[in-house]
Amino acid sequence: MLLAYFLLWVILKDSKKYFDKIFDHIDVWQIALKRIEFVLRLVSLANRINP
């Protein structure tokens, strides 16, 4: 995964616009994963309280 982003950076390093877009997508995925993790924790907590 990181290797793919590195290769993209090497290919597109002249275009800062594309480089910034890639990092925007990384941020979006990190936020999405944190939200999913939060929901899963709530679900597991609810399952413990009310099995």
N, C-alpha and C. Protein backbone atom coordinates (compact mmCIF):
# COMPACT_ATOMS: atom_id res chain seq x y z
N MET A 1 0.84 -1.21 0.00
CA MET A 1 0.00 0.00 0.00
C MET A 1 0.88 1.26 0.00
N LEU A 2 1.77 1.35 0.98
CA LEU A 2 2.67 2.51 1.03
C LEU A 2 3.57 2.56 -0.20
N LEU A 3 3.98 1.38 -0.67
CA LEU A 3 4.81 1.33 -1.87
C LEU A 3 4.07 1.91 -3.06
N ALA A 4 2.78 1.59 -3.16
CA ALA A 4 1.97 2.12 -4.26
C ALA A 4 1.91 3.64 -4.18
N TYR A 5 1.71 4.19 -2.97
CA TYR A 5 1.68 5.65 -2.83
C TYR A 5 3.03 6.26 -3.15
N PHE A 6 4.11 5.57 -2.77
CA PHE A 6 5.45 6.08 -3.08
C PHE A 6 5.68 6.12 -4.58
N LEU A 7 5.26 5.05 -5.27
CA LEU A 7 5.41 5.02 -6.73
C LEU A 7 4.59 6.12 -7.38
N LEU A 8 3.36 6.32 -6.87
CA LEU A 8 2.53 7.41 -7.39
C LEU A 8 3.23 8.75 -7.18
N TRP A 9 3.84 8.93 -6.00
CA TRP A 9 4.53 10.18 -5.71
C TRP A 9 5.69 10.38 -6.69
N VAL A 10 6.46 9.31 -6.94
CA VAL A 10 7.58 9.41 -7.87
C VAL A 10 7.08 9.81 -9.26
N ILE A 11 5.95 9.19 -9.68
CA ILE A 11 5.41 9.50 -11.00
C ILE A 11 4.87 10.93 -11.06
N LEU A 12 4.20 11.35 -9.99
CA LEU A 12 3.46 12.61 -10.02
C LEU A 12 4.11 13.73 -9.21
N LYS A 13 5.39 13.56 -8.83
CA LYS A 13 5.97 14.54 -7.90
C LYS A 13 6.07 15.94 -8.50
N ASP A 14 5.97 16.05 -9.81
CA ASP A 14 5.95 17.37 -10.43
C ASP A 14 4.59 18.05 -10.25
N SER A 15 3.56 17.25 -10.00
CA SER A 15 2.21 17.82 -9.86
C SER A 15 1.81 17.78 -8.39
N LYS A 16 2.03 18.89 -7.70
CA LYS A 16 1.70 18.93 -6.28
C LYS A 16 0.21 18.73 -6.04
N LYS A 17 -0.61 19.14 -7.01
CA LYS A 17 -2.06 19.00 -6.90
C LYS A 17 -2.47 17.54 -6.67
N TYR A 18 -1.90 16.63 -7.48
CA TYR A 18 -2.22 15.21 -7.34
C TYR A 18 -1.68 14.67 -6.02
N PHE A 19 -0.47 15.12 -5.65
CA PHE A 19 0.14 14.68 -4.40
C PHE A 19 -0.77 15.03 -3.21
N ASP A 20 -1.29 16.27 -3.21
CA ASP A 20 -2.18 16.69 -2.14
C ASP A 20 -3.46 15.86 -2.14
N LYS A 21 -3.98 15.54 -3.33
CA LYS A 21 -5.20 14.72 -3.41
C LYS A 21 -4.99 13.36 -2.76
N ILE A 22 -3.84 12.73 -3.00
CA ILE A 22 -3.54 11.43 -2.41
C ILE A 22 -3.60 11.54 -0.88
N PHE A 23 -2.98 12.58 -0.34
CA PHE A 23 -2.97 12.71 1.11
C PHE A 23 -4.35 13.04 1.66
N ASP A 24 -5.16 13.77 0.90
CA ASP A 24 -6.55 14.00 1.32
C ASP A 24 -7.27 12.66 1.44
N HIS A 25 -7.05 11.76 0.48
CA HIS A 25 -7.70 10.45 0.53
C HIS A 25 -7.22 9.65 1.74
N ILE A 26 -5.94 9.73 2.06
CA ILE A 26 -5.42 9.02 3.24
C ILE A 26 -6.15 9.53 4.49
N ASP A 27 -6.29 10.85 4.63
CA ASP A 27 -6.97 11.42 5.79
C ASP A 27 -8.41 10.93 5.86
N VAL A 28 -9.09 10.91 4.72
CA VAL A 28 -10.48 10.45 4.68
C VAL A 28 -10.58 9.00 5.15
N TRP A 29 -9.67 8.15 4.70
CA TRP A 29 -9.70 6.75 5.11
C TRP A 29 -9.41 6.60 6.58
N GLN A 30 -8.47 7.39 7.13
CA GLN A 30 -8.16 7.29 8.56
C GLN A 30 -9.38 7.68 9.39
N ILE A 31 -10.08 8.76 8.98
CA ILE A 31 -11.28 9.18 9.70
C ILE A 31 -12.35 8.10 9.63
N ALA A 32 -12.54 7.54 8.43
CA ALA A 32 -13.55 6.49 8.25
C ALA A 32 -13.22 5.28 9.12
N LEU A 33 -11.95 4.87 9.16
CA LEU A 33 -11.57 3.71 9.97
C LEU A 33 -11.78 3.98 11.45
N LYS A 34 -11.50 5.20 11.91
CA LYS A 34 -11.74 5.54 13.32
C LYS A 34 -13.23 5.47 13.65
N ARG A 35 -14.08 5.94 12.73
CA ARG A 35 -15.52 5.88 12.95
C ARG A 35 -16.00 4.44 13.01
N ILE A 36 -15.50 3.60 12.09
CA ILE A 36 -15.89 2.18 12.08
C ILE A 36 -15.45 1.52 13.39
N GLU A 37 -14.23 1.83 13.83
CA GLU A 37 -13.72 1.26 15.07
C GLU A 37 -14.60 1.68 16.25
N PHE A 38 -15.01 2.94 16.28
CA PHE A 38 -15.87 3.46 17.34
C PHE A 38 -17.21 2.72 17.37
N VAL A 39 -17.81 2.54 16.19
CA VAL A 39 -19.09 1.84 16.10
C VAL A 39 -18.93 0.39 16.57
N LEU A 40 -17.84 -0.27 16.15
CA LEU A 40 -17.63 -1.66 16.58
C LEU A 40 -17.46 -1.75 18.09
N ARG A 41 -16.80 -0.77 18.69
CA ARG A 41 -16.66 -0.77 20.16
C ARG A 41 -18.01 -0.60 20.83
N LEU A 42 -18.83 0.30 20.30
CA LEU A 42 -20.17 0.48 20.85
C LEU A 42 -20.98 -0.81 20.76
N VAL A 43 -20.90 -1.46 19.62
CA VAL A 43 -21.64 -2.72 19.42
C VAL A 43 -21.16 -3.78 20.39
N SER A 44 -19.86 -3.93 20.55
CA SER A 44 -19.34 -4.96 21.46
C SER A 44 -19.71 -4.63 22.91
N LEU A 45 -19.70 -3.35 23.25
CA LEU A 45 -20.10 -2.94 24.60
C LEU A 45 -21.57 -3.24 24.83
N ALA A 46 -22.41 -2.93 23.84
CA ALA A 46 -23.84 -3.22 23.95
C ALA A 46 -24.07 -4.72 24.07
N ASN A 47 -23.30 -5.52 23.36
CA ASN A 47 -23.45 -6.97 23.44
C ASN A 47 -23.07 -7.50 24.82
N ARG A 48 -22.09 -6.86 25.45
CA ARG A 48 -21.70 -7.29 26.80
C ARG A 48 -22.79 -6.93 27.81
N ILE A 49 -23.36 -5.75 27.66
CA ILE A 49 -24.39 -5.30 28.60
C ILE A 49 -25.68 -6.10 28.42
N ASN A 50 -26.07 -6.31 27.16
CA ASN A 50 -27.34 -6.97 26.86
C ASN A 50 -27.11 -8.10 25.85
N PRO A 51 -26.64 -9.25 26.34
CA PRO A 51 -26.29 -10.33 25.41
C PRO A 51 -27.53 -10.99 24.77
